C-alpha atoms as a PDB file:
ATOM      1  CA  MET A   1       0.000   0.000   0.000  1.00  0.00           C
ATOM      2  CA  THR A   2       2.271   2.774  -1.187  1.00  0.00           C
ATOM      3  CA  HIS A   3       0.834   6.261  -0.964  1.00  0.00           C
ATOM      4  CA  ARG A   4       2.748   8.601  -3.259  1.00  0.00           C
ATOM      5  CA  THR A   5       2.498  12.311  -3.019  1.00  0.00           C
ATOM      6  CA  PRO A   6       2.755  14.543  -6.076  1.00  0.00           C
ATOM      7  CA  HIS A   7       6.228  15.892  -6.833  1.00  0.00           C
ATOM      8  CA  GLY A   8       7.058  18.751  -4.580  1.00  0.00           C
ATOM      9  CA  SER A   9       4.522  17.891  -1.878  1.00  0.00           C
ATOM     10  CA  GLY A  10       6.791  15.629   0.247  1.00  0.00           C
ATOM     11  CA  ALA A  11       7.427  16.169   3.942  1.00  0.00           C
ATOM     12  CA  LYS A  12       7.798  19.858   4.734  1.00  0.00           C
ATOM     13  CA  GLY A  13       9.780  19.269   7.893  1.00  0.00           C
ATOM     14  CA  PRO A  14      11.033  16.658  10.383  1.00  0.00           C
ATOM     15  CA  ASP A  15       7.713  16.541  12.221  1.00  0.00           C
ATOM     16  CA  GLU A  16       5.761  15.833   9.066  1.00  0.00           C
ATOM     17  CA  LEU A  17       8.365  13.232   8.045  1.00  0.00           C
ATOM     18  CA  ARG A  18       8.011  11.536  11.447  1.00  0.00           C
ATOM     19  CA  GLN A  19       4.240  11.578  11.050  1.00  0.00           C
ATOM     20  CA  GLN A  20       4.517   9.969   7.597  1.00  0.00           C
ATOM     21  CA  ILE A  21       6.903   7.307   8.969  1.00  0.00           C
ATOM     22  CA  GLU A  22       4.538   6.579  11.856  1.00  0.00           C
ATOM     23  CA  GLN A  23       1.595   6.274   9.458  1.00  0.00           C
ATOM     24  CA  THR A  24       3.616   3.896   7.263  1.00  0.00           C
ATOM     25  CA  ARG A  25       4.518   1.808  10.335  1.00  0.00           C
ATOM     26  CA  HIS A  26       0.853   1.485  11.285  1.00  0.00           C
ATOM     27  CA  GLN A  27      -0.082   0.457   7.764  1.00  0.00           C
ATOM     28  CA  LEU A  28       2.721  -2.137   7.682  1.00  0.00           C
ATOM     29  CA  GLY A  29       1.679  -3.456  11.075  1.00  0.00           C
ATOM     30  CA  ASP A  30      -1.907  -3.874   9.895  1.00  0.00           C
ATOM     31  CA  THR A  31      -0.754  -5.627   6.734  1.00  0.00           C
ATOM     32  CA  VAL A  32       1.513  -7.996   8.695  1.00  0.00           C
ATOM     33  CA  ALA A  33      -1.327  -8.788  11.135  1.00  0.00           C
ATOM     34  CA  GLN A  34      -3.671  -9.581   8.251  1.00  0.00           C
ATOM     35  CA  LEU A  35      -1.066 -11.824   6.623  1.00  0.00           C
ATOM     36  CA  MET A  36      -0.413 -13.670   9.903  1.00  0.00           C
ATOM     37  CA  GLU A  37      -4.149 -14.245  10.387  1.00  0.00           C
ATOM     38  CA  LYS A  38      -4.502 -15.643   6.875  1.00  0.00           C
ATOM     39  CA  ALA A  39      -1.411 -17.843   7.311  1.00  0.00           C
ATOM     40  CA  ASP A  40      -2.699 -19.478  10.525  1.00  0.00           C
ATOM     41  CA  VAL A  41      -4.420 -22.382   8.765  1.00  0.00           C
ATOM     42  CA  LYS A  42      -3.810 -24.788  11.667  1.00  0.00           C
ATOM     43  CA  GLY A  43      -5.351 -22.386  14.149  1.00  0.00           C
ATOM     44  CA  ARG A  44      -8.415 -21.899  12.002  1.00  0.00           C
ATOM     45  CA  ALA A  45      -8.688 -25.679  11.499  1.00  0.00           C
ATOM     46  CA  ARG A  46      -8.425 -26.291  15.256  1.00  0.00           C
ATOM     47  CA  ALA A  47     -11.085 -23.672  15.943  1.00  0.00           C
ATOM     48  CA  ARG A  48     -13.405 -25.196  13.315  1.00  0.00           C
ATOM     49  CA  ALA A  49     -12.831 -28.724  14.674  1.00  0.00           C
ATOM     50  CA  ALA A  50     -13.510 -27.541  18.236  1.00  0.00           C
ATOM     51  CA  ASP A  51     -16.670 -25.800  17.060  1.00  0.00           C
ATOM     52  CA  LEU A  52     -17.851 -28.969  15.315  1.00  0.00           C
ATOM     53  CA  ARG A  53     -17.058 -31.071  18.414  1.00  0.00           C
ATOM     54  CA  ASP A  54     -19.016 -28.642  20.579  1.00  0.00           C
ATOM     55  CA  LYS A  55     -21.981 -28.757  18.209  1.00  0.00           C
ATOM     56  CA  ALA A  56     -21.843 -32.564  18.113  1.00  0.00           C
ATOM     57  CA  GLY A  57     -21.732 -32.729  21.916  1.00  0.00           C
ATOM     58  CA  ALA A  58     -24.648 -30.328  22.231  1.00  0.00           C
ATOM     59  CA  MET A  59     -26.619 -32.298  19.666  1.00  0.00           C
ATOM     60  CA  THR A  60     -25.898 -35.539  21.554  1.00  0.00           C
ATOM     61  CA  VAL A  61     -27.130 -34.050  24.825  1.00  0.00           C
ATOM     62  CA  GLN A  62     -30.240 -32.665  23.141  1.00  0.00           C
ATOM     63  CA  LEU A  63     -31.039 -35.986  21.442  1.00  0.00           C
ATOM     64  CA  ARG A  64     -30.532 -37.896  24.686  1.00  0.00           C
ATOM     65  CA  ALA A  65     -32.817 -35.539  26.553  1.00  0.00           C
ATOM     66  CA  SER A  66     -35.488 -35.790  23.855  1.00  0.00           C
ATOM     67  CA  ALA A  67     -35.256 -39.573  23.837  1.00  0.00           C
ATOM     68  CA  ALA A  68     -35.462 -39.782  27.625  1.00  0.00           C
ATOM     69  CA  HIS A  69     -38.400 -37.386  27.683  1.00  0.00           C
ATOM     70  CA  ALA A  70     -40.228 -39.406  25.028  1.00  0.00           C
ATOM     71  CA  GLY A  71     -39.526 -42.611  26.947  1.00  0.00           C
ATOM     72  CA  HIS A  72     -40.784 -41.143  30.210  1.00  0.00           C
ATOM     73  CA  ASP A  73     -43.904 -39.779  28.499  1.00  0.00           C
ATOM     74  CA  MET A  74     -44.639 -43.200  27.045  1.00  0.00           C
ATOM     75  CA  GLN A  75     -44.067 -44.880  30.424  1.00  0.00           C
ATOM     76  CA  GLY A  76     -46.451 -42.448  32.121  1.00  0.00           C
ATOM     77  CA  LYS A  77     -49.164 -43.002  29.536  1.00  0.00           C
ATOM     78  CA  ALA A  78     -48.742 -46.749  29.751  1.00  0.00           C
ATOM     79  CA  ALA A  79     -48.954 -46.660  33.553  1.00  0.00           C
ATOM     80  CA  ARG A  80     -52.175 -44.615  33.472  1.00  0.00           C
ATOM     81  CA  ALA A  81     -53.725 -46.995  30.963  1.00  0.00           C
ATOM     82  CA  GLY A  82     -52.727 -49.986  33.061  1.00  0.00           C
ATOM     83  CA  HIS A  83     -54.274 -48.616  36.255  1.00  0.00           C
ATOM     84  CA  ALA A  84     -57.535 -47.790  34.455  1.00  0.00           C
ATOM     85  CA  MET A  85     -58.102 -51.400  33.501  1.00  0.00           C
ATOM     86  CA  GLN A  86     -58.639 -54.480  35.712  1.00  0.00           C
ATOM     87  CA  GLY A  87     -57.218 -57.963  35.241  1.00  0.00           C
ATOM     88  CA  GLY A  88     -56.199 -58.541  31.624  1.00  0.00           C
ATOM     89  CA  ALA A  89     -56.302 -54.841  30.928  1.00  0.00           C
ATOM     90  CA  ALA A  90     -53.721 -54.352  33.702  1.00  0.00           C
ATOM     91  CA  ARG A  91     -51.469 -56.993  32.132  1.00  0.00           C
ATOM     92  CA  ALA A  92     -51.856 -55.290  28.737  1.00  0.00           C
ATOM     93  CA  GLY A  93     -50.912 -51.972  30.315  1.00  0.00           C
ATOM     94  CA  HIS A  94     -47.718 -53.451  31.776  1.00  0.00           C
ATOM     95  CA  ALA A  95     -46.824 -54.887  28.378  1.00  0.00           C
ATOM     96  CA  VAL A  96     -47.295 -51.470  26.778  1.00  0.00           C
ATOM     97  CA  GLN A  97     -45.188 -49.945  29.538  1.00  0.00           C
ATOM     98  CA  GLY A  98     -42.346 -52.378  28.835  1.00  0.00           C
ATOM     99  CA  THR A  99     -42.581 -51.690  25.106  1.00  0.00           C
ATOM    100  CA  ALA A 100     -42.512 -47.957  25.721  1.00  0.00           C
ATOM    101  CA  ALA A 101     -39.429 -48.270  27.910  1.00  0.00           C
ATOM    102  CA  LYS A 102     -37.703 -50.341  25.222  1.00  0.00           C
ATOM    103  CA  ALA A 103     -38.671 -47.771  22.591  1.00  0.00           C
ATOM    104  CA  GLY A 104     -37.351 -44.969  24.754  1.00  0.00           C
ATOM    105  CA  HIS A 105     -34.075 -46.804  25.268  1.00  0.00           C
ATOM    106  CA  ALA A 106     -33.855 -47.590  21.547  1.00  0.00           C
ATOM    107  CA  VAL A 107     -34.395 -43.907  20.686  1.00  0.00           C
ATOM    108  CA  GLN A 108     -31.828 -42.897  23.277  1.00  0.00           C
ATOM    109  CA  GLY A 109     -29.334 -45.405  21.832  1.00  0.00           C
ATOM    110  CA  SER A 110     -29.964 -44.066  18.337  1.00  0.00           C
ATOM    111  CA  ALA A 111     -29.402 -40.529  19.574  1.00  0.00           C
ATOM    112  CA  VAL A 112     -26.077 -41.526  21.135  1.00  0.00           C
ATOM    113  CA  LYS A 113     -25.002 -43.231  17.905  1.00  0.00           C
ATOM    114  CA  ALA A 114     -25.971 -40.170  15.872  1.00  0.00           C
ATOM    115  CA  GLY A 115     -24.054 -37.914  18.234  1.00  0.00           C
ATOM    116  CA  HIS A 116     -20.960 -40.096  17.977  1.00  0.00           C
ATOM    117  CA  ALA A 117     -21.246 -40.131  14.190  1.00  0.00           C
ATOM    118  CA  VAL A 118     -21.430 -36.325  14.066  1.00  0.00           C
ATOM    119  CA  GLN A 119     -18.521 -36.031  16.465  1.00  0.00           C
ATOM    120  CA  GLY A 120     -16.469 -38.460  14.353  1.00  0.00           C
ATOM    121  CA  SER A 121     -17.245 -36.493  11.193  1.00  0.00           C
ATOM    122  CA  ALA A 122     -16.133 -33.284  12.881  1.00  0.00           C
ATOM    123  CA  ALA A 123     -12.878 -34.882  14.010  1.00  0.00           C
ATOM    124  CA  ARG A 124     -12.201 -36.271  10.531  1.00  0.00           C
ATOM    125  CA  ALA A 125     -12.894 -32.862   8.981  1.00  0.00           C
ATOM    126  CA  GLY A 126     -10.521 -31.217  11.438  1.00  0.00           C
ATOM    127  CA  HIS A 127      -7.790 -33.757  10.712  1.00  0.00           C
ATOM    128  CA  ALA A 128      -8.281 -33.314   6.968  1.00  0.00           C
ATOM    129  CA  VAL A 129      -7.893 -29.547   7.256  1.00  0.00           C
ATOM    130  CA  GLN A 130      -4.798 -29.974   9.420  1.00  0.00           C
ATOM    131  CA  GLY A 131      -3.351 -32.386   6.874  1.00  0.00           C
ATOM    132  CA  ARG A 132      -3.974 -29.947   4.019  1.00  0.00           C
ATOM    133  CA  ALA A 133      -2.356 -27.154   6.007  1.00  0.00           C
ATOM    134  CA  ALA A 134       0.696 -29.326   6.685  1.00  0.00           C
ATOM    135  CA  ASP A 135       0.902 -30.285   2.991  1.00  0.00           C
ATOM    136  CA  ALA A 136       0.719 -26.623   2.006  1.00  0.00           C
ATOM    137  CA  GLY A 137       3.493 -25.780   4.454  1.00  0.00           C
ATOM    138  CA  HIS A 138       5.672 -28.598   3.167  1.00  0.00           C
ATOM    139  CA  SER A 139       5.098 -27.635  -0.477  1.00  0.00           C
ATOM    140  CA  LEU A 140       5.992 -24.025   0.354  1.00  0.00           C
ATOM    141  CA  GLU A 141       9.111 -25.218   2.099  1.00  0.00           C
ATOM    142  CA  GLY A 142      10.048 -27.247  -0.990  1.00  0.00           C
ATOM    143  CA  SER A 143       9.871 -24.143  -3.206  1.00  0.00           C
ATOM    144  CA  VAL A 144      12.293 -22.178  -1.021  1.00  0.00           C
ATOM    145  CA  PRO A 145      16.009 -22.374  -2.000  1.00  0.00           C
ATOM    146  CA  GLN A 146      18.002 -24.825   0.136  1.00  0.00           C
ATOM    147  CA  PRO A 147      20.111 -22.171   1.964  1.00  0.00           C
ATOM    148  CA  LEU A 148      16.926 -20.471   3.226  1.00  0.00           C
ATOM    149  CA  ARG A 149      15.008 -23.587   4.347  1.00  0.00           C
ATOM    150  CA  GLY A 150      16.540 -23.629   7.844  1.00  0.00           C
ATOM    151  CA  ALA A 151      15.593 -19.999   8.352  1.00  0.00           C
ATOM    152  CA  LEU A 152      12.081 -20.723   7.044  1.00  0.00           C
ATOM    153  CA  ARG A 153      11.652 -23.623   9.505  1.00  0.00           C
ATOM    154  CA  ARG A 154      12.858 -21.490  12.424  1.00  0.00           C
ATOM    155  CA  GLY A 155      10.562 -18.669  11.300  1.00  0.00           C
ATOM    156  CA  MET A 156       7.597 -21.055  11.189  1.00  0.00           C
ATOM    157  CA  ARG A 157       8.322 -22.271  14.735  1.00  0.00           C
ATOM    158  CA  HIS A 158       9.054 -18.792  16.160  1.00  0.00           C
ATOM    159  CA  PRO A 159       7.512 -16.111  13.887  1.00  0.00           C
ATOM    160  CA  GLY A 160       7.924 -13.179  16.322  1.00  0.00           C
ATOM    161  CA  PRO A 161      11.558 -12.246  15.469  1.00  0.00           C
ATOM    162  CA  ILE A 162      10.922 -12.635  11.727  1.00  0.00           C
ATOM    163  CA  ILE A 163       7.941 -10.302  11.909  1.00  0.00           C
ATOM    164  CA  ALA A 164       9.904  -7.767  13.947  1.00  0.00           C
ATOM    165  CA  VAL A 165      12.780  -7.798  11.422  1.00  0.00           C
ATOM    166  CA  GLY A 166      10.294  -7.407   8.567  1.00  0.00           C
ATOM    167  CA  VAL A 167       8.594  -4.444  10.219  1.00  0.00           C
ATOM    168  CA  LEU A 168      11.937  -2.778  11.000  1.00  0.00           C
ATOM    169  CA  GLY A 169      13.129  -3.394   7.443  1.00  0.00           C
ATOM    170  CA  ALA A 170       9.941  -1.934   6.016  1.00  0.00           C
ATOM    171  CA  ALA A 171      10.256   1.096   8.291  1.00  0.00           C
ATOM    172  CA  ALA A 172      13.856   1.589   7.150  1.00  0.00           C
ATOM    173  CA  VAL A 173      12.795   1.420   3.503  1.00  0.00           C
ATOM    174  CA  ALA A 174       9.989   3.909   4.137  1.00  0.00           C
ATOM    175  CA  ALA A 175      12.401   6.265   5.900  1.00  0.00           C
ATOM    176  CA  GLY A 176      14.866   5.959   3.026  1.00  0.00           C
ATOM    177  CA  ILE A 177      12.190   6.758   0.462  1.00  0.00           C
ATOM    178  CA  ALA A 178      11.042   9.769   2.452  1.00  0.00           C
ATOM    179  CA  TRP A 179      14.642  10.989   2.805  1.00  0.00           C
ATOM    180  CA  ARG A 180      15.253  10.605  -0.935  1.00  0.00           C
ATOM    181  CA  ARG A 181      12.109  12.526  -1.753  1.00  0.00           C
ATOM    182  CA  GLN A 182      13.104  15.325   0.547  1.00  0.00           C
ATOM    183  CA  HIS A 183      16.692  15.617  -0.765  1.00  0.00           C
ATOM    184  CA  HIS A 184      16.022  15.061  -4.483  1.00  0.00           C
ATOM    185  CA  ARG A 185      13.358  17.638  -5.199  1.00  0.00           C
END
């Protein structure tokens, strides 16, 4: 993002030059922050995988609760029907109650299985994204000349010093450009 001023409208004094340098530093800092955010593929993949795991867990809890509620509702209805009848009707009511309990447990089991399936899908998606990010990093590393690969690996493990050097270098370039403009009018 280079902002050029028309010839003859450069910094009028040291204060204005300092202000231009400070503005350039802020712009470079913003650009570096945006690039770092875009480059953090693993972090975004981890966040997405965690989000999917949370959603799967919440869905599992919700399905279990719904299944248990349905089972309890069926048990209550079966119990009321059983008490209303005498003799054979009572036996029929108990049979319905047992069937309702089994149905409730079956629904609850299905909900657990569905929750596990969703959670597994989320984990696989997260691993796939991590794998793609690692592949991209390795392919980038392969395109860097051999003498610079060690520095690239160290920069990937500890990006802070590399970013600081880049910002200082960019500030030095900006200062040099401003100085040239001021002395070559």
